[in-house]
Amino acid sequence: MAECAVCLSSLEGGAGTRVLPCLHEFHTDCMERWLSMPHFKNTCPICRFVVMEECGEVMSRQQECLTEEMVIWFSSFHVAGF
C-alpha cells in the first residue's frame, strides 16, 4: 500500500487523494498544506517538480514549456513535395 510522503499515512484507493503532474500521489489536505508553505515554493514533496495552484487545479509550468517547445519543434518539419 502506498503512503502519503507528507503525513506518512497510507493512501486508500484514491479517496481524498491528489495526483500531481509528476504522478506522485498525496492526501488532498496534505498537498494543499504543503503547497501553501512559501518555503517549499510549490514543489512536489518527493521530486521537487514545480507545480502551480491555479483555479483549484494543479498545473505544471515545466510541462507547459515542454509542450510549447514540442509544438515548435514538430512544426519545423517539412516533408518534401508537400
PDB file of N, CA and C in Angstrom:
ATOM      1  N   MET A   1       0.849  -1.181   0.000  1.00  0.00           N
ATOM      2  CA  MET A   1       0.000   0.000   0.000  1.00  0.00           C
ATOM      3  C   MET A   1       0.893   1.243   0.000  1.00  0.00           C
ATOM      4  N   ALA A   2       0.563   2.203  -0.845  1.00  0.00           N
ATOM      5  CA  ALA A   2       1.319   3.458  -0.947  1.00  0.00           C
ATOM      6  C   ALA A   2       1.013   4.345   0.258  1.00  0.00           C
ATOM      7  N   GLU A   3       1.958   5.221   0.565  1.00  0.00           N
ATOM      8  CA  GLU A   3       1.724   6.148   1.667  1.00  0.00           C
ATOM      9  C   GLU A   3       1.995   7.582   1.231  1.00  0.00           C
ATOM     10  N   CYS A   4       1.331   8.492   1.887  1.00  0.00           N
ATOM     11  CA  CYS A   4       1.492   9.922   1.633  1.00  0.00           C
ATOM     12  C   CYS A   4       2.856  10.353   2.175  1.00  0.00           C
ATOM     13  N   ALA A   5       3.668  10.971   1.333  1.00  0.00           N
ATOM     14  CA  ALA A   5       5.012  11.397   1.745  1.00  0.00           C
ATOM     15  C   ALA A   5       4.985  12.583   2.706  1.00  0.00           C
ATOM     16  N   VAL A   6       3.838  13.240   2.832  1.00  0.00           N
ATOM     17  CA  VAL A   6       3.737  14.389   3.736  1.00  0.00           C
ATOM     18  C   VAL A   6       3.417  13.927   5.160  1.00  0.00           C
ATOM     19  N   CYS A   7       2.378  13.091   5.317  1.00  0.00           N
ATOM     20  CA  CYS A   7       1.965  12.660   6.663  1.00  0.00           C
ATOM     21  C   CYS A   7       2.371  11.225   6.988  1.00  0.00           C
ATOM     22  N   LEU A   8       2.845  10.489   5.986  1.00  0.00           N
ATOM     23  CA  LEU A   8       3.290   9.101   6.115  1.00  0.00           C
ATOM     24  C   LEU A   8       2.178   8.111   6.446  1.00  0.00           C
ATOM     25  N   SER A   9       0.908   8.511   6.269  1.00  0.00           N
ATOM     26  CA  SER A   9      -0.227   7.601   6.431  1.00  0.00           C
ATOM     27  C   SER A   9      -0.519   6.948   5.091  1.00  0.00           C
ATOM     28  N   SER A  10      -1.213   5.819   5.126  1.00  0.00           N
ATOM     29  CA  SER A  10      -1.493   5.111   3.875  1.00  0.00           C
ATOM     30  C   SER A  10      -2.527   5.850   3.026  1.00  0.00           C
ATOM     31  N   LEU A  11      -2.371   5.712   1.707  1.00  0.00           N
ATOM     32  CA  LEU A  11      -3.320   6.281   0.744  1.00  0.00           C
ATOM     33  C   LEU A  11      -4.310   5.176   0.415  1.00  0.00           C
ATOM     34  N   GLU A  12      -5.577   5.437   0.628  1.00  0.00           N
ATOM     35  CA  GLU A  12      -6.580   4.400   0.441  1.00  0.00           C
ATOM     36  C   GLU A  12      -7.413   4.622  -0.802  1.00  0.00           C
ATOM     37  N   GLY A  13      -7.157   3.856  -1.839  1.00  0.00           N
ATOM     38  CA  GLY A  13      -7.987   3.786  -3.032  1.00  0.00           C
ATOM     39  C   GLY A  13      -8.373   5.070  -3.722  1.00  0.00           C
ATOM     40  N   GLY A  14      -7.592   6.112  -3.636  1.00  0.00           N
ATOM     41  CA  GLY A  14      -7.866   7.336  -4.373  1.00  0.00           C
ATOM     42  C   GLY A  14      -8.848   8.283  -3.706  1.00  0.00           C
ATOM     43  N   ALA A  15      -9.526   7.843  -2.644  1.00  0.00           N
ATOM     44  CA  ALA A  15     -10.480   8.715  -1.963  1.00  0.00           C
ATOM     45  C   ALA A  15      -9.726   9.788  -1.191  1.00  0.00           C
ATOM     46  N   GLY A  16     -10.004  11.045  -1.514  1.00  0.00           N
ATOM     47  CA  GLY A  16      -9.349  12.146  -0.826  1.00  0.00           C
ATOM     48  C   GLY A  16      -7.879  12.291  -1.154  1.00  0.00           C
ATOM     49  N   THR A  17      -7.505  11.864  -2.361  1.00  0.00           N
ATOM     50  CA  THR A  17      -6.104  11.980  -2.758  1.00  0.00           C
ATOM     51  C   THR A  17      -5.962  12.883  -3.973  1.00  0.00           C
ATOM     52  N   ARG A  18      -4.749  13.320  -4.194  1.00  0.00           N
ATOM     53  CA  ARG A  18      -4.452  14.213  -5.313  1.00  0.00           C
ATOM     54  C   ARG A  18      -3.175  13.731  -5.987  1.00  0.00           C
ATOM     55  N   VAL A  19      -3.206  13.671  -7.313  1.00  0.00           N
ATOM     56  CA  VAL A  19      -2.042  13.252  -8.085  1.00  0.00           C
ATOM     57  C   VAL A  19      -1.487  14.472  -8.812  1.00  0.00           C
ATOM     58  N   LEU A  20      -0.213  14.737  -8.626  1.00  0.00           N
ATOM     59  CA  LEU A  20       0.446  15.863  -9.289  1.00  0.00           C
ATOM     60  C   LEU A  20       0.852  15.467 -10.706  1.00  0.00           C
ATOM     61  N   PRO A  21       1.199  16.434 -11.550  1.00  0.00           N
ATOM     62  CA  PRO A  21       1.624  16.117 -12.924  1.00  0.00           C
ATOM     63  C   PRO A  21       2.833  15.179 -12.979  1.00  0.00           C
ATOM     64  N   CYS A  22       3.631  15.136 -11.923  1.00  0.00           N
ATOM     65  CA  CYS A  22       4.788  14.224 -11.872  1.00  0.00           C
ATOM     66  C   CYS A  22       4.357  12.813 -11.479  1.00  0.00           C
ATOM     67  N   LEU A  23       3.045  12.620 -11.277  1.00  0.00           N
ATOM     68  CA  LEU A  23       2.402  11.343 -10.955  1.00  0.00           C
ATOM     69  C   LEU A  23       2.609  10.866  -9.518  1.00  0.00           C
ATOM     70  N   HIS A  24       3.068  11.721  -8.622  1.00  0.00           N
ATOM     71  CA  HIS A  24       3.144  11.367  -7.210  1.00  0.00           C
ATOM     72  C   HIS A  24       1.798  11.692  -6.564  1.00  0.00           C
ATOM     73  N   GLU A  25       1.352  10.818  -5.663  1.00  0.00           N
ATOM     74  CA  GLU A  25       0.023  10.936  -5.058  1.00  0.00           C
ATOM     75  C   GLU A  25       0.127  11.253  -3.567  1.00  0.00           C
ATOM     76  N   PHE A  26      -0.778  12.120  -3.099  1.00  0.00           N
ATOM     77  CA  PHE A  26      -0.798  12.556  -1.706  1.00  0.00           C
ATOM     78  C   PHE A  26      -2.243  12.733  -1.266  1.00  0.00           C
ATOM     79  N   HIS A  27      -2.483  12.835   0.046  1.00  0.00           N
ATOM     80  CA  HIS A  27      -3.805  13.217   0.535  1.00  0.00           C
ATOM     81  C   HIS A  27      -4.057  14.655   0.084  1.00  0.00           C
ATOM     82  N   THR A  28      -5.270  14.957  -0.296  1.00  0.00           N
ATOM     83  CA  THR A  28      -5.618  16.300  -0.770  1.00  0.00           C
ATOM     84  C   THR A  28      -5.285  17.360   0.281  1.00  0.00           C
ATOM     85  N   ASP A  29      -5.673  17.127   1.530  1.00  0.00           N
ATOM     86  CA  ASP A  29      -5.399  18.099   2.602  1.00  0.00           C
ATOM     87  C   ASP A  29      -3.901  18.298   2.808  1.00  0.00           C
ATOM     88  N   CYS A  30      -3.149  17.204   2.764  1.00  0.00           N
ATOM     89  CA  CYS A  30      -1.689  17.293   2.945  1.00  0.00           C
ATOM     90  C   CYS A  30      -1.061  18.115   1.824  1.00  0.00           C
ATOM     91  N   MET A  31      -1.511  17.869   0.601  1.00  0.00           N
ATOM     92  CA  MET A  31      -0.939  18.571  -0.548  1.00  0.00           C
ATOM     93  C   MET A  31      -1.276  20.055  -0.508  1.00  0.00           C
ATOM     94  N   GLU A  32      -2.504  20.389  -0.125  1.00  0.00           N
ATOM     95  CA  GLU A  32      -2.894  21.800  -0.032  1.00  0.00           C
ATOM     96  C   GLU A  32      -2.060  22.529   1.020  1.00  0.00           C
ATOM     97  N   ARG A  33      -1.818  21.877   2.170  1.00  0.00           N
ATOM     98  CA  ARG A  33      -0.973  22.488   3.204  1.00  0.00           C
ATOM     99  C   ARG A  33       0.454  22.647   2.701  1.00  0.00           C
ATOM    100  N   TRP A  34       0.975  21.599   2.041  1.00  0.00           N
ATOM    101  CA  TRP A  34       2.355  21.628   1.522  1.00  0.00           C
ATOM    102  C   TRP A  34       2.539  22.763   0.516  1.00  0.00           C
ATOM    103  N   LEU A  35       1.623  22.873  -0.445  1.00  0.00           N
ATOM    104  CA  LEU A  35       1.737  23.893  -1.492  1.00  0.00           C
ATOM    105  C   LEU A  35       1.547  25.308  -0.954  1.00  0.00           C
ATOM    106  N   SER A  36       0.879  25.438   0.187  1.00  0.00           N
ATOM    107  CA  SER A  36       0.655  26.775   0.752  1.00  0.00           C
ATOM    108  C   SER A  36       1.858  27.278   1.555  1.00  0.00           C
ATOM    109  N   MET A  37       2.824  26.412   1.818  1.00  0.00           N
ATOM    110  CA  MET A  37       4.013  26.819   2.579  1.00  0.00           C
ATOM    111  C   MET A  37       5.001  27.513   1.651  1.00  0.00           C
ATOM    112  N   PRO A  38       5.313  28.790   1.911  1.00  0.00           N
ATOM    113  CA  PRO A  38       6.158  29.562   0.988  1.00  0.00           C
ATOM    114  C   PRO A  38       7.562  29.012   0.793  1.00  0.00           C
ATOM    115  N   HIS A  39       8.130  28.360   1.791  1.00  0.00           N
ATOM    116  CA  HIS A  39       9.499  27.879   1.649  1.00  0.00           C
ATOM    117  C   HIS A  39       9.617  26.616   0.794  1.00  0.00           C
ATOM    118  N   PHE A  40       8.488  25.989   0.415  1.00  0.00           N
ATOM    119  CA  PHE A  40       8.543  24.837  -0.485  1.00  0.00           C
ATOM    120  C   PHE A  40       8.339  25.251  -1.940  1.00  0.00           C
ATOM    121  N   LYS A  41       7.967  26.508  -2.161  1.00  0.00           N
ATOM    122  CA  LYS A  41       7.855  27.106  -3.497  1.00  0.00           C
ATOM    123  C   LYS A  41       7.094  26.254  -4.510  1.00  0.00           C
ATOM    124  N   ASN A  42       5.923  25.749  -4.105  1.00  0.00           N
ATOM    125  CA  ASN A  42       5.053  24.974  -4.999  1.00  0.00           C
ATOM    126  C   ASN A  42       5.761  23.806  -5.675  1.00  0.00           C
ATOM    127  N   THR A  43       6.377  22.962  -4.880  1.00  0.00           N
ATOM    128  CA  THR A  43       7.074  21.804  -5.428  1.00  0.00           C
ATOM    129  C   THR A  43       6.506  20.506  -4.880  1.00  0.00           C
ATOM    130  N   CYS A  44       6.696  19.432  -5.618  1.00  0.00           N
ATOM    131  CA  CYS A  44       6.321  18.098  -5.166  1.00  0.00           C
ATOM    132  C   CYS A  44       7.222  17.732  -3.983  1.00  0.00           C
ATOM    133  N   PRO A  45       6.661  17.181  -2.903  1.00  0.00           N
ATOM    134  CA  PRO A  45       7.469  16.803  -1.743  1.00  0.00           C
ATOM    135  C   PRO A  45       8.488  15.698  -2.037  1.00  0.00           C
ATOM    136  N   ILE A  46       8.273  14.934  -3.089  1.00  0.00           N
ATOM    137  CA  ILE A  46       9.172  13.822  -3.398  1.00  0.00           C
ATOM    138  C   ILE A  46      10.265  14.216  -4.384  1.00  0.00           C
ATOM    139  N   CYS A  47       9.878  14.764  -5.537  1.00  0.00           N
ATOM    140  CA  CYS A  47      10.864  15.014  -6.603  1.00  0.00           C
ATOM    141  C   CYS A  47      11.154  16.494  -6.840  1.00  0.00           C
ATOM    142  N   ARG A  48      10.461  17.393  -6.140  1.00  0.00           N
ATOM    143  CA  ARG A  48      10.630  18.845  -6.277  1.00  0.00           C
ATOM    144  C   ARG A  48      10.191  19.385  -7.640  1.00  0.00           C
ATOM    145  N   PHE A  49       9.380  18.631  -8.365  1.00  0.00           N
ATOM    146  CA  PHE A  49       8.801  19.088  -9.622  1.00  0.00           C
ATOM    147  C   PHE A  49       7.988  20.340  -9.319  1.00  0.00           C
ATOM    148  N   VAL A  50       8.143  21.386 -10.088  1.00  0.00           N
ATOM    149  CA  VAL A  50       7.459  22.656  -9.829  1.00  0.00           C
ATOM    150  C   VAL A  50       6.017  22.570 -10.315  1.00  0.00           C
ATOM    151  N   VAL A  51       5.100  22.855  -9.407  1.00  0.00           N
ATOM    152  CA  VAL A  51       3.673  22.878  -9.740  1.00  0.00           C
ATOM    153  C   VAL A  51       3.115  24.224  -9.320  1.00  0.00           C
ATOM    154  N   MET A  52       1.939  24.541  -9.819  1.00  0.00           N
ATOM    155  CA  MET A  52       1.351  25.843  -9.546  1.00  0.00           C
ATOM    156  C   MET A  52      -0.135  25.680  -9.295  1.00  0.00           C
ATOM    157  N   GLU A  53      -0.661  26.306  -8.261  1.00  0.00           N
ATOM    158  CA  GLU A  53      -2.092  26.295  -7.977  1.00  0.00           C
ATOM    159  C   GLU A  53      -2.766  27.352  -8.834  1.00  0.00           C
ATOM    160  N   GLU A  54      -3.758  26.959  -9.593  1.00  0.00           N
ATOM    161  CA  GLU A  54      -4.498  27.951 -10.368  1.00  0.00           C
ATOM    162  C   GLU A  54      -5.914  27.444 -10.576  1.00  0.00           C
ATOM    163  N   CYS A  55      -6.893  28.192 -10.107  1.00  0.00           N
ATOM    164  CA  CYS A  55      -8.304  27.838 -10.254  1.00  0.00           C
ATOM    165  C   CYS A  55      -8.604  26.462  -9.662  1.00  0.00           C
ATOM    166  N   GLY A  56      -7.941  26.107  -8.566  1.00  0.00           N
ATOM    167  CA  GLY A  56      -8.212  24.837  -7.919  1.00  0.00           C
ATOM    168  C   GLY A  56      -7.574  23.635  -8.586  1.00  0.00           C
ATOM    169  N   GLU A  57      -6.832  23.830  -9.645  1.00  0.00           N
ATOM    170  CA  GLU A  57      -6.176  22.719 -10.323  1.00  0.00           C
ATOM    171  C   GLU A  57      -4.672  22.882 -10.240  1.00  0.00           C
ATOM    172  N   VAL A  58      -3.963  21.768 -10.239  1.00  0.00           N
ATOM    173  CA  VAL A  58      -2.508  21.826 -10.221  1.00  0.00           C
ATOM    174  C   VAL A  58      -2.026  21.822 -11.657  1.00  0.00           C
ATOM    175  N   MET A  59      -1.220  22.814 -11.987  1.00  0.00           N
ATOM    176  CA  MET A  59      -0.672  22.896 -13.337  1.00  0.00           C
ATOM    177  C   MET A  59       0.835  22.899 -13.245  1.00  0.00           C
ATOM    178  N   SER A  60       1.475  22.457 -14.278  1.00  0.00           N
ATOM    179  CA  SER A  60       2.926  22.395 -14.281  1.00  0.00           C
ATOM    180  C   SER A  60       3.490  23.371 -15.287  1.00  0.00           C
ATOM    181  N   ARG A  61       4.296  24.303 -14.809  1.00  0.00           N
ATOM    182  CA  ARG A  61       4.942  25.242 -15.727  1.00  0.00           C
ATOM    183  C   ARG A  61       5.912  24.504 -16.632  1.00  0.00           C
ATOM    184  N   GLN A  62       6.626  23.536 -16.060  1.00  0.00           N
ATOM    185  CA  GLN A  62       7.593  22.778 -16.850  1.00  0.00           C
ATOM    186  C   GLN A  62       6.894  22.016 -17.966  1.00  0.00           C
ATOM    187  N   GLN A  63       5.759  21.421 -17.665  1.00  0.00           N
ATOM    188  CA  GLN A  63       5.020  20.656 -18.663  1.00  0.00           C
ATOM    189  C   GLN A  63       4.503  21.586 -19.764  1.00  0.00           C
ATOM    190  N   GLU A  64       4.032  22.770 -19.396  1.00  0.00           N
ATOM    191  CA  GLU A  64       3.558  23.730 -20.386  1.00  0.00           C
ATOM    192  C   GLU A  64       4.688  24.154 -21.316  1.00  0.00           C
ATOM    193  N   CYS A  65       5.864  24.418 -20.759  1.00  0.00           N
ATOM    194  CA  CYS A  65       7.016  24.826 -21.567  1.00  0.00           C
ATOM    195  C   CYS A  65       7.446  23.709 -22.493  1.00  0.00           C
ATOM    196  N   LEU A  66       7.460  22.486 -21.988  1.00  0.00           N
ATOM    197  CA  LEU A  66       7.850  21.345 -22.809  1.00  0.00           C
ATOM    198  C   LEU A  66       6.872  21.172 -23.964  1.00  0.00           C
ATOM    199  N   THR A  67       5.584  21.286 -23.691  1.00  0.00           N
ATOM    200  CA  THR A  67       4.573  21.161 -24.737  1.00  0.00           C
ATOM    201  C   THR A  67       4.774  22.231 -25.802  1.00  0.00           C
ATOM    202  N   GLU A  68       5.021  23.453 -25.359  1.00  0.00           N
ATOM    203  CA  GLU A  68       5.251  24.561 -26.285  1.00  0.00           C
ATOM    204  C   GLU A  68       6.482  24.302 -27.158  1.00  0.00           C
ATOM    205  N   GLU A  69       7.558  23.807 -26.544  1.00  0.00           N
ATOM    206  CA  GLU A  69       8.781  23.503 -27.293  1.00  0.00           C
ATOM    207  C   GLU A  69       8.551  22.391 -28.307  1.00  0.00           C
ATOM    208  N   MET A  70       7.761  21.382 -27.930  1.00  0.00           N
ATOM    209  CA  MET A  70       7.491  20.266 -28.846  1.00  0.00           C
ATOM    210  C   MET A  70       6.671  20.731 -30.044  1.00  0.00           C
ATOM    211  N   VAL A  71       5.700  21.618 -29.814  1.00  0.00           N
ATOM    212  CA  VAL A  71       4.887  22.145 -30.910  1.00  0.00           C
ATOM    213  C   VAL A  71       5.779  22.889 -31.897  1.00  0.00           C
ATOM    214  N   ILE A  72       6.679  23.704 -31.382  1.00  0.00           N
ATOM    215  CA  ILE A  72       7.603  24.446 -32.247  1.00  0.00           C
ATOM    216  C   ILE A  72       8.499  23.484 -33.009  1.00  0.00           C
ATOM    217  N   TRP A  73       9.021  22.472 -32.313  1.00  0.00           N
ATOM    218  CA  TRP A  73       9.917  21.504 -32.942  1.00  0.00           C
ATOM    219  C   TRP A  73       9.203  20.729 -34.049  1.00  0.00           C
ATOM    220  N   PHE A  74       8.002  20.200 -33.763  1.00  0.00           N
ATOM    221  CA  PHE A  74       7.268  19.432 -34.766  1.00  0.00           C
ATOM    222  C   PHE A  74       6.804  20.304 -35.933  1.00  0.00           C
ATOM    223  N   SER A  75       6.483  21.556 -35.669  1.00  0.00           N
ATOM    224  CA  SER A  75       6.028  22.427 -36.751  1.00  0.00           C
ATOM    225  C   SER A  75       7.178  22.820 -37.676  1.00  0.00           C
ATOM    226  N   SER A  76       8.406  22.551 -37.256  1.00  0.00           N
ATOM    227  CA  SER A  76       9.556  22.877 -38.101  1.00  0.00           C
ATOM    228  C   SER A  76       9.836  21.805 -39.153  1.00  0.00           C
ATOM    229  N   PHE A  77       9.151  20.660 -39.045  1.00  0.00           N
ATOM    230  CA  PHE A  77       9.345  19.605 -40.043  1.00  0.00           C
ATOM    231  C   PHE A  77       8.731  20.018 -41.374  1.00  0.00           C
ATOM    232  N   HIS A  78       9.395  19.676 -42.425  1.00  0.00           N
ATOM    233  CA  HIS A  78       8.865  19.932 -43.762  1.00  0.00           C
ATOM    234  C   HIS A  78       9.041  18.661 -44.578  1.00  0.00           C
ATOM    235  N   VAL A  79       7.958  18.157 -45.099  1.00  0.00           N
ATOM    236  CA  VAL A  79       8.017  16.943 -45.903  1.00  0.00           C
ATOM    237  C   VAL A  79       8.176  17.355 -47.360  1.00  0.00           C
ATOM    238  N   ALA A  80       9.198  16.837 -48.017  1.00  0.00           N
ATOM    239  CA  ALA A  80       9.482  17.179 -49.418  1.00  0.00           C
ATOM    240  C   ALA A  80       8.290  16.840 -50.307  1.00  0.00           C
ATOM    241  N   GLY A  81       7.946  17.755 -51.183  1.00  0.00           N
ATOM    242  CA  GLY A  81       6.855  17.529 -52.130  1.00  0.00           C
ATOM    243  C   GLY A  81       5.492  17.971 -51.627  1.00  0.00           C
ATOM    244  N   PHE A  82       5.413  18.501 -50.421  1.00  0.00           N
ATOM    245  CA  PHE A  82       4.119  18.936 -49.892  1.00  0.00           C
ATOM    246  C   PHE A  82       4.136  20.395 -49.570  1.00  0.00           C
TER     247      PHE A  82
END
